[in-house]
Amino acid sequence: MTPKVGRLYGVAKAVLDPLIRFGWRLDVQGLENVPASGGAIVAPNHLSVIDHFVVGAALNRRITYVGKAEYLDSWKTRYIFPAMGMIPIDRGGGSAAQRALDAAAGLLNGGELFGIYPEGTRSRDGLLHKGHTGVARLALRTMCPIVPVGLQGTDEVQPPDASLPRPFRMMRVSFGVPIDVTRYADRADDRLVLRQITDEVMFEIGRLSGQRYVDTYANRDDSAEALPPETAKVPGSGTGPRRSSADVLSSAS
């Protein structure tokens, strides 16, 4: 992190955090579970575009996300997203997932917090969807712990299709106990291990968020409808449609 980026983040946080806490009731639980120093992966569920800002407001450390470069094309997000720690990744050329993974690993190895949404995109039906294994792959590459996070109420503040957030509502951020992956150090390339770690993360996110889990990947289609009740399963009990590798570390949708 360069001094300039650090200053921008500090300024943005100093402005946005009081606004968030004034405009909404923010309940933060389990903050003591976030390591005070060193690299760690923060893995929340994803309900709203404001999730980035809410998690950042709950933390007392800087957090960085990887986001799609298209956000820099809009005047509404061109400055605020990078100022709040987003690293833009062009998903159109080459291996976007690999570039995102390399950027994230560099931050974690440098002792910073990195945020990743295991679902890959926002849940438009309010359910907790199957996690991509990028979170596990990143943890095993860096040997950094994964902190599961349960967000509640952010979809009520700003639903997926709402242009502006609704004020004076409750939001809760619950940080879970870090998941240590060092016991799998000698099996970093084992797909079963990647899935096992990811499912453990999703189980904890579900416990913290109170969401019902469905064993299918979240749909990027804006017109996607809620899944029927019979799709609910225990994490890891089935398979879902395969997704592009570029979705693995996607943090903005």
C-alpha atoms as a PDB file:
ATOM      1  CA  MET A   1       0.000   0.000   0.000  1.00  0.00           C
ATOM      2  CA  THR A   2       1.499   3.330  -1.042  1.00  0.00           C
ATOM      3  CA  PRO A   3       1.390   6.357   1.297  1.00  0.00           C
ATOM      4  CA  LYS A   4      -0.950   8.140  -1.148  1.00  0.00           C
ATOM      5  CA  VAL A   5      -3.403   5.231  -1.208  1.00  0.00           C
ATOM      6  CA  GLY A   6      -3.222   5.013   2.559  1.00  0.00           C
ATOM      7  CA  ARG A   7      -4.081   8.707   2.905  1.00  0.00           C
ATOM      8  CA  LEU A   8      -7.016   8.396   0.487  1.00  0.00           C
ATOM      9  CA  TYR A   9      -8.369   5.445   2.421  1.00  0.00           C
ATOM     10  CA  GLY A  10      -7.986   7.322   5.695  1.00  0.00           C
ATOM     11  CA  VAL A  11      -9.823  10.362   4.341  1.00  0.00           C
ATOM     12  CA  ALA A  12     -12.620   8.278   2.819  1.00  0.00           C
ATOM     13  CA  LYS A  13     -13.063   6.277   6.020  1.00  0.00           C
ATOM     14  CA  ALA A  14     -13.064   9.432   8.158  1.00  0.00           C
ATOM     15  CA  VAL A  15     -15.880  10.831   6.028  1.00  0.00           C
ATOM     16  CA  LEU A  16     -17.958   7.721   5.343  1.00  0.00           C
ATOM     17  CA  ASP A  17     -17.854   5.959   8.719  1.00  0.00           C
ATOM     18  CA  PRO A  18     -19.624   8.776  10.627  1.00  0.00           C
ATOM     19  CA  LEU A  19     -22.163   9.079   7.801  1.00  0.00           C
ATOM     20  CA  ILE A  20     -22.940   5.352   7.966  1.00  0.00           C
ATOM     21  CA  ARG A  21     -23.289   5.380  11.735  1.00  0.00           C
ATOM     22  CA  PHE A  22     -25.449   8.533  11.629  1.00  0.00           C
ATOM     23  CA  GLY A  23     -27.711   7.362   8.819  1.00  0.00           C
ATOM     24  CA  TRP A  24     -28.138   3.766  10.021  1.00  0.00           C
ATOM     25  CA  ARG A  25     -28.001   1.706  13.170  1.00  0.00           C
ATOM     26  CA  LEU A  26     -24.862  -0.394  12.841  1.00  0.00           C
ATOM     27  CA  ASP A  27     -24.477  -3.310  15.225  1.00  0.00           C
ATOM     28  CA  VAL A  28     -20.989  -4.856  15.178  1.00  0.00           C
ATOM     29  CA  GLN A  29     -20.381  -8.194  16.873  1.00  0.00           C
ATOM     30  CA  GLY A  30     -17.256 -10.332  17.238  1.00  0.00           C
ATOM     31  CA  LEU A  31     -14.770  -7.633  16.208  1.00  0.00           C
ATOM     32  CA  GLU A  32     -12.269  -9.234  18.568  1.00  0.00           C
ATOM     33  CA  ASN A  33     -12.110 -12.177  16.147  1.00  0.00           C
ATOM     34  CA  VAL A  34     -10.380 -10.044  13.518  1.00  0.00           C
ATOM     35  CA  PRO A  35      -6.585 -10.296  13.972  1.00  0.00           C
ATOM     36  CA  ALA A  36      -5.127  -7.005  15.190  1.00  0.00           C
ATOM     37  CA  SER A  37      -2.199  -7.368  12.790  1.00  0.00           C
ATOM     38  CA  GLY A  38      -0.979  -9.586   9.968  1.00  0.00           C
ATOM     39  CA  GLY A  39      -2.691 -10.835   6.857  1.00  0.00           C
ATOM     40  CA  ALA A  40      -6.204 -12.258   7.074  1.00  0.00           C
ATOM     41  CA  ILE A  41      -9.011 -12.950   4.610  1.00  0.00           C
ATOM     42  CA  VAL A  42     -12.373 -11.394   5.485  1.00  0.00           C
ATOM     43  CA  ALA A  43     -15.163 -13.439   3.877  1.00  0.00           C
ATOM     44  CA  PRO A  44     -18.709 -12.002   4.116  1.00  0.00           C
ATOM     45  CA  ASN A  45     -21.985 -12.984   2.508  1.00  0.00           C
ATOM     46  CA  HIS A  46     -23.013 -10.568  -0.237  1.00  0.00           C
ATOM     47  CA  LEU A  47     -26.443  -8.946  -0.175  1.00  0.00           C
ATOM     48  CA  SER A  48     -25.971  -5.373  -1.388  1.00  0.00           C
ATOM     49  CA  VAL A  49     -23.558  -3.040  -3.151  1.00  0.00           C
ATOM     50  CA  ILE A  50     -23.076  -1.221   0.163  1.00  0.00           C
ATOM     51  CA  ASP A  51     -21.611  -4.335   1.812  1.00  0.00           C
ATOM     52  CA  HIS A  52     -18.092  -3.045   1.002  1.00  0.00           C
ATOM     53  CA  PHE A  53     -18.669   0.143   2.963  1.00  0.00           C
ATOM     54  CA  VAL A  54     -20.480  -1.475   5.877  1.00  0.00           C
ATOM     55  CA  VAL A  55     -17.730  -4.041   6.506  1.00  0.00           C
ATOM     56  CA  GLY A  56     -15.134  -1.285   6.197  1.00  0.00           C
ATOM     57  CA  ALA A  57     -17.001   0.861   8.719  1.00  0.00           C
ATOM     58  CA  ALA A  58     -17.153  -2.045  11.177  1.00  0.00           C
ATOM     59  CA  LEU A  59     -13.398  -2.678  11.011  1.00  0.00           C
ATOM     60  CA  ASN A  60     -10.638  -0.706  12.665  1.00  0.00           C
ATOM     61  CA  ARG A  61      -8.138  -1.888  10.043  1.00  0.00           C
ATOM     62  CA  ARG A  62      -7.886  -1.135   6.334  1.00  0.00           C
ATOM     63  CA  ILE A  63      -9.490  -3.748   4.064  1.00  0.00           C
ATOM     64  CA  THR A  64      -8.941  -4.142   0.323  1.00  0.00           C
ATOM     65  CA  TYR A  65     -11.163  -5.786  -2.282  1.00  0.00           C
ATOM     66  CA  VAL A  66     -10.707  -6.697  -5.921  1.00  0.00           C
ATOM     67  CA  GLY A  67     -13.401  -5.157  -8.080  1.00  0.00           C
ATOM     68  CA  LYS A  68     -14.320  -4.995 -11.740  1.00  0.00           C
ATOM     69  CA  ALA A  69     -12.580  -2.186 -13.626  1.00  0.00           C
ATOM     70  CA  GLU A  70     -15.924  -1.067 -15.076  1.00  0.00           C
ATOM     71  CA  TYR A  71     -16.594   0.750 -11.814  1.00  0.00           C
ATOM     72  CA  LEU A  72     -13.993   3.293 -12.890  1.00  0.00           C
ATOM     73  CA  ASP A  73     -16.190   4.177 -15.890  1.00  0.00           C
ATOM     74  CA  SER A  74     -18.948   5.614 -13.714  1.00  0.00           C
ATOM     75  CA  TRP A  75     -18.635   9.007 -12.021  1.00  0.00           C
ATOM     76  CA  LYS A  76     -20.562   7.604  -9.059  1.00  0.00           C
ATOM     77  CA  THR A  77     -17.893   5.014  -8.204  1.00  0.00           C
ATOM     78  CA  ARG A  78     -14.768   6.181 -10.063  1.00  0.00           C
ATOM     79  CA  TYR A  79     -13.183   7.735  -6.987  1.00  0.00           C
ATOM     80  CA  ILE A  80     -14.974   6.366  -3.949  1.00  0.00           C
ATOM     81  CA  PHE A  81     -14.389   2.657  -4.628  1.00  0.00           C
ATOM     82  CA  PRO A  82     -10.601   2.941  -5.111  1.00  0.00           C
ATOM     83  CA  ALA A  83     -10.429   5.322  -2.137  1.00  0.00           C
ATOM     84  CA  MET A  84     -12.117   2.646  -0.022  1.00  0.00           C
ATOM     85  CA  GLY A  85      -9.529   0.055  -1.017  1.00  0.00           C
ATOM     86  CA  MET A  86     -10.776  -1.506  -4.263  1.00  0.00           C
ATOM     87  CA  ILE A  87      -8.166  -2.819  -6.693  1.00  0.00           C
ATOM     88  CA  PRO A  88      -9.622  -2.636 -10.226  1.00  0.00           C
ATOM     89  CA  ILE A  89      -9.210  -5.758 -12.346  1.00  0.00           C
ATOM     90  CA  ASP A  90     -10.040  -5.845 -16.059  1.00  0.00           C
ATOM     91  CA  ARG A  91     -12.038  -9.061 -16.473  1.00  0.00           C
ATOM     92  CA  GLY A  92     -12.023  -8.867 -20.264  1.00  0.00           C
ATOM     93  CA  GLY A  93      -8.502  -9.969 -21.154  1.00  0.00           C
ATOM     94  CA  GLY A  94      -6.194 -12.743 -20.041  1.00  0.00           C
ATOM     95  CA  SER A  95      -6.717 -14.564 -16.789  1.00  0.00           C
ATOM     96  CA  ALA A  96      -8.589 -12.087 -14.617  1.00  0.00           C
ATOM     97  CA  ALA A  97      -8.881 -14.643 -11.816  1.00  0.00           C
ATOM     98  CA  GLN A  98      -5.107 -15.172 -11.761  1.00  0.00           C
ATOM     99  CA  ARG A  99      -4.421 -11.426 -11.688  1.00  0.00           C
ATOM    100  CA  ALA A 100      -6.895 -11.017  -8.866  1.00  0.00           C
ATOM    101  CA  LEU A 101      -5.338 -13.916  -6.979  1.00  0.00           C
ATOM    102  CA  ASP A 102      -1.842 -12.473  -7.382  1.00  0.00           C
ATOM    103  CA  ALA A 103      -2.962  -9.015  -6.222  1.00  0.00           C
ATOM    104  CA  ALA A 104      -4.743 -10.482  -3.199  1.00  0.00           C
ATOM    105  CA  ALA A 105      -1.788 -12.698  -2.263  1.00  0.00           C
ATOM    106  CA  GLY A 106       0.554  -9.712  -2.404  1.00  0.00           C
ATOM    107  CA  LEU A 107      -1.644  -7.775   0.019  1.00  0.00           C
ATOM    108  CA  LEU A 108      -2.002 -10.679   2.425  1.00  0.00           C
ATOM    109  CA  ASN A 109       1.710 -11.434   2.391  1.00  0.00           C
ATOM    110  CA  GLY A 110       2.230  -7.760   3.167  1.00  0.00           C
ATOM    111  CA  GLY A 111       0.205  -8.161   6.362  1.00  0.00           C
ATOM    112  CA  GLU A 112      -3.061  -6.559   5.212  1.00  0.00           C
ATOM    113  CA  LEU A 113      -6.716  -7.553   5.318  1.00  0.00           C
ATOM    114  CA  PHE A 114      -8.271  -8.720   2.066  1.00  0.00           C
ATOM    115  CA  GLY A 115     -12.015  -9.016   1.520  1.00  0.00           C
ATOM    116  CA  ILE A 116     -13.579 -11.639  -0.722  1.00  0.00           C
ATOM    117  CA  TYR A 117     -17.199 -12.672  -1.235  1.00  0.00           C
ATOM    118  CA  PRO A 118     -17.176 -16.470  -1.626  1.00  0.00           C
ATOM    119  CA  GLU A 119     -20.554 -16.384  -3.402  1.00  0.00           C
ATOM    120  CA  GLY A 120     -18.932 -14.368  -6.206  1.00  0.00           C
ATOM    121  CA  THR A 121     -21.867 -11.981  -6.647  1.00  0.00           C
ATOM    122  CA  ARG A 122     -24.789 -10.543  -4.723  1.00  0.00           C
ATOM    123  CA  SER A 123     -27.585 -12.845  -3.659  1.00  0.00           C
ATOM    124  CA  ARG A 124     -30.739 -11.474  -5.241  1.00  0.00           C
ATOM    125  CA  ASP A 125     -33.040 -13.929  -3.467  1.00  0.00           C
ATOM    126  CA  GLY A 126     -31.699 -13.385   0.056  1.00  0.00           C
ATOM    127  CA  LEU A 127     -30.437 -16.967   0.297  1.00  0.00           C
ATOM    128  CA  LEU A 128     -26.846 -17.985   1.003  1.00  0.00           C
ATOM    129  CA  HIS A 129     -25.431 -19.595  -2.116  1.00  0.00           C
ATOM    130  CA  LYS A 130     -22.654 -22.119  -2.691  1.00  0.00           C
ATOM    131  CA  GLY A 131     -19.183 -20.657  -2.261  1.00  0.00           C
ATOM    132  CA  HIS A 132     -16.457 -20.646  -4.893  1.00  0.00           C
ATOM    133  CA  THR A 133     -13.173 -22.219  -3.814  1.00  0.00           C
ATOM    134  CA  GLY A 134     -11.087 -19.107  -4.529  1.00  0.00           C
ATOM    135  CA  VAL A 135     -11.250 -18.173  -0.844  1.00  0.00           C
ATOM    136  CA  ALA A 136      -9.707 -21.524   0.119  1.00  0.00           C
ATOM    137  CA  ARG A 137      -7.121 -21.390  -2.652  1.00  0.00           C
ATOM    138  CA  LEU A 138      -6.028 -17.924  -1.516  1.00  0.00           C
ATOM    139  CA  ALA A 139      -5.830 -18.981   2.138  1.00  0.00           C
ATOM    140  CA  LEU A 140      -3.716 -22.027   1.320  1.00  0.00           C
ATOM    141  CA  ARG A 141      -1.408 -19.995  -0.914  1.00  0.00           C
ATOM    142  CA  THR A 142      -0.721 -17.418   1.814  1.00  0.00           C
ATOM    143  CA  MET A 143      -1.437 -19.532   4.928  1.00  0.00           C
ATOM    144  CA  CYS A 144      -3.594 -16.680   6.210  1.00  0.00           C
ATOM    145  CA  PRO A 145      -6.691 -17.320   8.332  1.00  0.00           C
ATOM    146  CA  ILE A 146     -10.208 -16.811   6.966  1.00  0.00           C
ATOM    147  CA  VAL A 147     -12.566 -14.676   9.061  1.00  0.00           C
ATOM    148  CA  PRO A 148     -16.200 -15.549   8.174  1.00  0.00           C
ATOM    149  CA  VAL A 149     -18.589 -12.604   8.317  1.00  0.00           C
ATOM    150  CA  GLY A 150     -22.373 -12.554   8.494  1.00  0.00           C
ATOM    151  CA  LEU A 151     -24.097  -9.431   7.168  1.00  0.00           C
ATOM    152  CA  GLN A 152     -27.729  -8.749   8.010  1.00  0.00           C
ATOM    153  CA  GLY A 153     -29.983  -5.926   6.878  1.00  0.00           C
ATOM    154  CA  THR A 154     -27.839  -4.463   4.098  1.00  0.00           C
ATOM    155  CA  ASP A 155     -30.310  -5.758   1.508  1.00  0.00           C
ATOM    156  CA  GLU A 156     -33.082  -3.890   3.346  1.00  0.00           C
ATOM    157  CA  VAL A 157     -31.023  -0.694   3.268  1.00  0.00           C
ATOM    158  CA  GLN A 158     -30.224  -0.989  -0.433  1.00  0.00           C
ATOM    159  CA  PRO A 159     -31.853  -3.867  -2.355  1.00  0.00           C
ATOM    160  CA  PRO A 160     -30.106  -4.997  -5.564  1.00  0.00           C
ATOM    161  CA  ASP A 161     -32.226  -2.806  -7.847  1.00  0.00           C
ATOM    162  CA  ALA A 162     -32.406   0.297  -5.629  1.00  0.00           C
ATOM    163  CA  SER A 163     -30.401   3.316  -6.770  1.00  0.00           C
ATOM    164  CA  LEU A 164     -30.149   4.899  -3.306  1.00  0.00           C
ATOM    165  CA  PRO A 165     -29.925   3.460   0.219  1.00  0.00           C
ATOM    166  CA  ARG A 166     -32.845   3.740   2.622  1.00  0.00           C
ATOM    167  CA  PRO A 167     -31.894   5.577   5.823  1.00  0.00           C
ATOM    168  CA  PHE A 168     -32.452   4.791   9.494  1.00  0.00           C
ATOM    169  CA  ARG A 169     -32.525   1.005   9.257  1.00  0.00           C
ATOM    170  CA  MET A 170     -30.611  -1.609  11.219  1.00  0.00           C
ATOM    171  CA  MET A 171     -27.552  -3.396   9.828  1.00  0.00           C
ATOM    172  CA  ARG A 172     -25.510  -6.010  11.639  1.00  0.00           C
ATOM    173  CA  VAL A 173     -21.950  -7.188  10.969  1.00  0.00           C
ATOM    174  CA  SER A 174     -20.929 -10.373  12.817  1.00  0.00           C
ATOM    175  CA  PHE A 175     -17.306 -11.538  12.654  1.00  0.00           C
ATOM    176  CA  GLY A 176     -16.736 -15.228  13.339  1.00  0.00           C
ATOM    177  CA  VAL A 177     -13.781 -17.109  14.761  1.00  0.00           C
ATOM    178  CA  PRO A 178     -10.930 -17.282  12.204  1.00  0.00           C
ATOM    179  CA  ILE A 179     -10.594 -20.547  10.286  1.00  0.00           C
ATOM    180  CA  ASP A 180      -7.018 -21.842  10.355  1.00  0.00           C
ATOM    181  CA  VAL A 181      -5.991 -23.645   7.151  1.00  0.00           C
ATOM    182  CA  THR A 182      -2.416 -24.512   8.107  1.00  0.00           C
ATOM    183  CA  ARG A 183      -3.445 -28.091   8.860  1.00  0.00           C
ATOM    184  CA  TYR A 184      -3.963 -28.513   5.102  1.00  0.00           C
ATOM    185  CA  ALA A 185      -0.573 -27.070   4.112  1.00  0.00           C
ATOM    186  CA  ASP A 186       0.566 -30.286   2.436  1.00  0.00           C
ATOM    187  CA  ARG A 187      -2.706 -30.670   0.460  1.00  0.00           C
ATOM    188  CA  ALA A 188      -3.035 -27.214  -1.086  1.00  0.00           C
ATOM    189  CA  ASP A 189      -3.817 -28.615  -4.551  1.00  0.00           C
ATOM    190  CA  ASP A 190      -6.380 -31.163  -3.397  1.00  0.00           C
ATOM    191  CA  ARG A 191      -9.787 -30.194  -4.809  1.00  0.00           C
ATOM    192  CA  LEU A 192     -11.570 -31.995  -2.005  1.00  0.00           C
ATOM    193  CA  VAL A 193      -9.662 -29.932   0.534  1.00  0.00           C
ATOM    194  CA  LEU A 194     -10.514 -26.715  -1.306  1.00  0.00           C
ATOM    195  CA  ARG A 195     -14.187 -27.643  -1.249  1.00  0.00           C
ATOM    196  CA  GLN A 196     -14.039 -28.727   2.407  1.00  0.00           C
ATOM    197  CA  ILE A 197     -12.521 -25.408   3.507  1.00  0.00           C
ATOM    198  CA  THR A 198     -14.987 -23.428   1.402  1.00  0.00           C
ATOM    199  CA  ASP A 199     -17.964 -25.320   2.805  1.00  0.00           C
ATOM    200  CA  GLU A 200     -16.676 -24.722   6.345  1.00  0.00           C
ATOM    201  CA  VAL A 201     -16.519 -21.008   5.577  1.00  0.00           C
ATOM    202  CA  MET A 202     -20.049 -21.016   4.128  1.00  0.00           C
ATOM    203  CA  PHE A 203     -21.401 -22.931   7.122  1.00  0.00           C
ATOM    204  CA  GLU A 204     -19.996 -20.290   9.471  1.00  0.00           C
ATOM    205  CA  ILE A 205     -21.275 -17.425   7.300  1.00  0.00           C
ATOM    206  CA  GLY A 206     -24.744 -19.005   7.370  1.00  0.00           C
ATOM    207  CA  ARG A 207     -24.612 -19.369  11.128  1.00  0.00           C
ATOM    208  CA  LEU A 208     -23.615 -15.717  11.523  1.00  0.00           C
ATOM    209  CA  SER A 209     -26.037 -14.282   8.943  1.00  0.00           C
ATOM    210  CA  GLY A 210     -29.024 -16.520   9.695  1.00  0.00           C
ATOM    211  CA  GLN A 211     -29.539 -17.157   5.979  1.00  0.00           C
ATOM    212  CA  ARG A 212     -30.864 -20.389   4.542  1.00  0.00           C
ATOM    213  CA  TYR A 213     -28.228 -22.164   2.440  1.00  0.00           C
ATOM    214  CA  VAL A 214     -28.829 -23.461  -1.081  1.00  0.00           C
ATOM    215  CA  ASP A 215     -26.310 -25.660  -2.852  1.00  0.00           C
ATOM    216  CA  THR A 216     -26.317 -23.703  -6.119  1.00  0.00           C
ATOM    217  CA  TYR A 217     -24.146 -20.832  -7.264  1.00  0.00           C
ATOM    218  CA  ALA A 218     -25.615 -17.323  -7.165  1.00  0.00           C
ATOM    219  CA  ASN A 219     -26.991 -16.141 -10.495  1.00  0.00           C
ATOM    220  CA  ARG A 220     -25.663 -12.948 -12.075  1.00  0.00           C
ATOM    221  CA  ASP A 221     -28.875 -12.568 -14.094  1.00  0.00           C
ATOM    222  CA  ASP A 222     -30.780  -9.541 -12.743  1.00  0.00           C
ATOM    223  CA  SER A 223     -34.057 -11.318 -13.473  1.00  0.00           C
ATOM    224  CA  ALA A 224     -33.193 -14.406 -11.452  1.00  0.00           C
ATOM    225  CA  GLU A 225     -36.018 -15.536  -9.198  1.00  0.00           C
ATOM    226  CA  ALA A 226     -35.774 -17.018  -5.738  1.00  0.00           C
ATOM    227  CA  LEU A 227     -34.942 -20.696  -5.632  1.00  0.00           C
ATOM    228  CA  PRO A 228     -37.644 -23.100  -4.472  1.00  0.00           C
ATOM    229  CA  PRO A 229     -37.453 -24.384  -0.871  1.00  0.00           C
ATOM    230  CA  GLU A 230     -36.507 -27.909  -1.922  1.00  0.00           C
ATOM    231  CA  THR A 231     -33.098 -26.693  -3.122  1.00  0.00           C
ATOM    232  CA  ALA A 232     -31.943 -26.045   0.436  1.00  0.00           C
ATOM    233  CA  LYS A 233     -29.146 -28.437   1.447  1.00  0.00           C
ATOM    234  CA  VAL A 234     -26.215 -28.779   3.776  1.00  0.00           C
ATOM    235  CA  PRO A 235     -23.063 -27.080   2.360  1.00  0.00           C
ATOM    236  CA  GLY A 236     -21.124 -29.472   0.155  1.00  0.00           C
ATOM    237  CA  SER A 237     -23.927 -31.990  -0.262  1.00  0.00           C
ATOM    238  CA  GLY A 238     -24.253 -31.537  -4.011  1.00  0.00           C
ATOM    239  CA  THR A 239     -23.021 -29.793  -7.114  1.00  0.00           C
ATOM    240  CA  GLY A 240     -24.110 -26.700  -9.002  1.00  0.00           C
ATOM    241  CA  PRO A 241     -23.443 -25.193 -12.405  1.00  0.00           C
ATOM    242  CA  ARG A 242     -19.834 -24.359 -13.115  1.00  0.00           C
ATOM    243  CA  ARG A 243     -18.884 -20.685 -13.203  1.00  0.00           C
ATOM    244  CA  SER A 244     -16.233 -18.738 -15.048  1.00  0.00           C
ATOM    245  CA  SER A 245     -12.896 -18.624 -13.285  1.00  0.00           C
ATOM    246  CA  ALA A 246     -13.133 -14.839 -13.439  1.00  0.00           C
ATOM    247  CA  ASP A 247     -15.953 -15.033 -10.874  1.00  0.00           C
ATOM    248  CA  VAL A 248     -13.791 -16.727  -8.258  1.00  0.00           C
ATOM    249  CA  LEU A 249     -12.353 -13.547  -6.770  1.00  0.00           C
ATOM    250  CA  SER A 250     -15.060 -11.179  -7.964  1.00  0.00           C
ATOM    251  CA  SER A 251     -15.951  -8.826  -5.151  1.00  0.00           C
ATOM    252  CA  ALA A 252     -18.143  -6.329  -6.939  1.00  0.00           C
ATOM    253  CA  SER A 253     -21.253  -7.121  -8.890  1.00  0.00           C
END
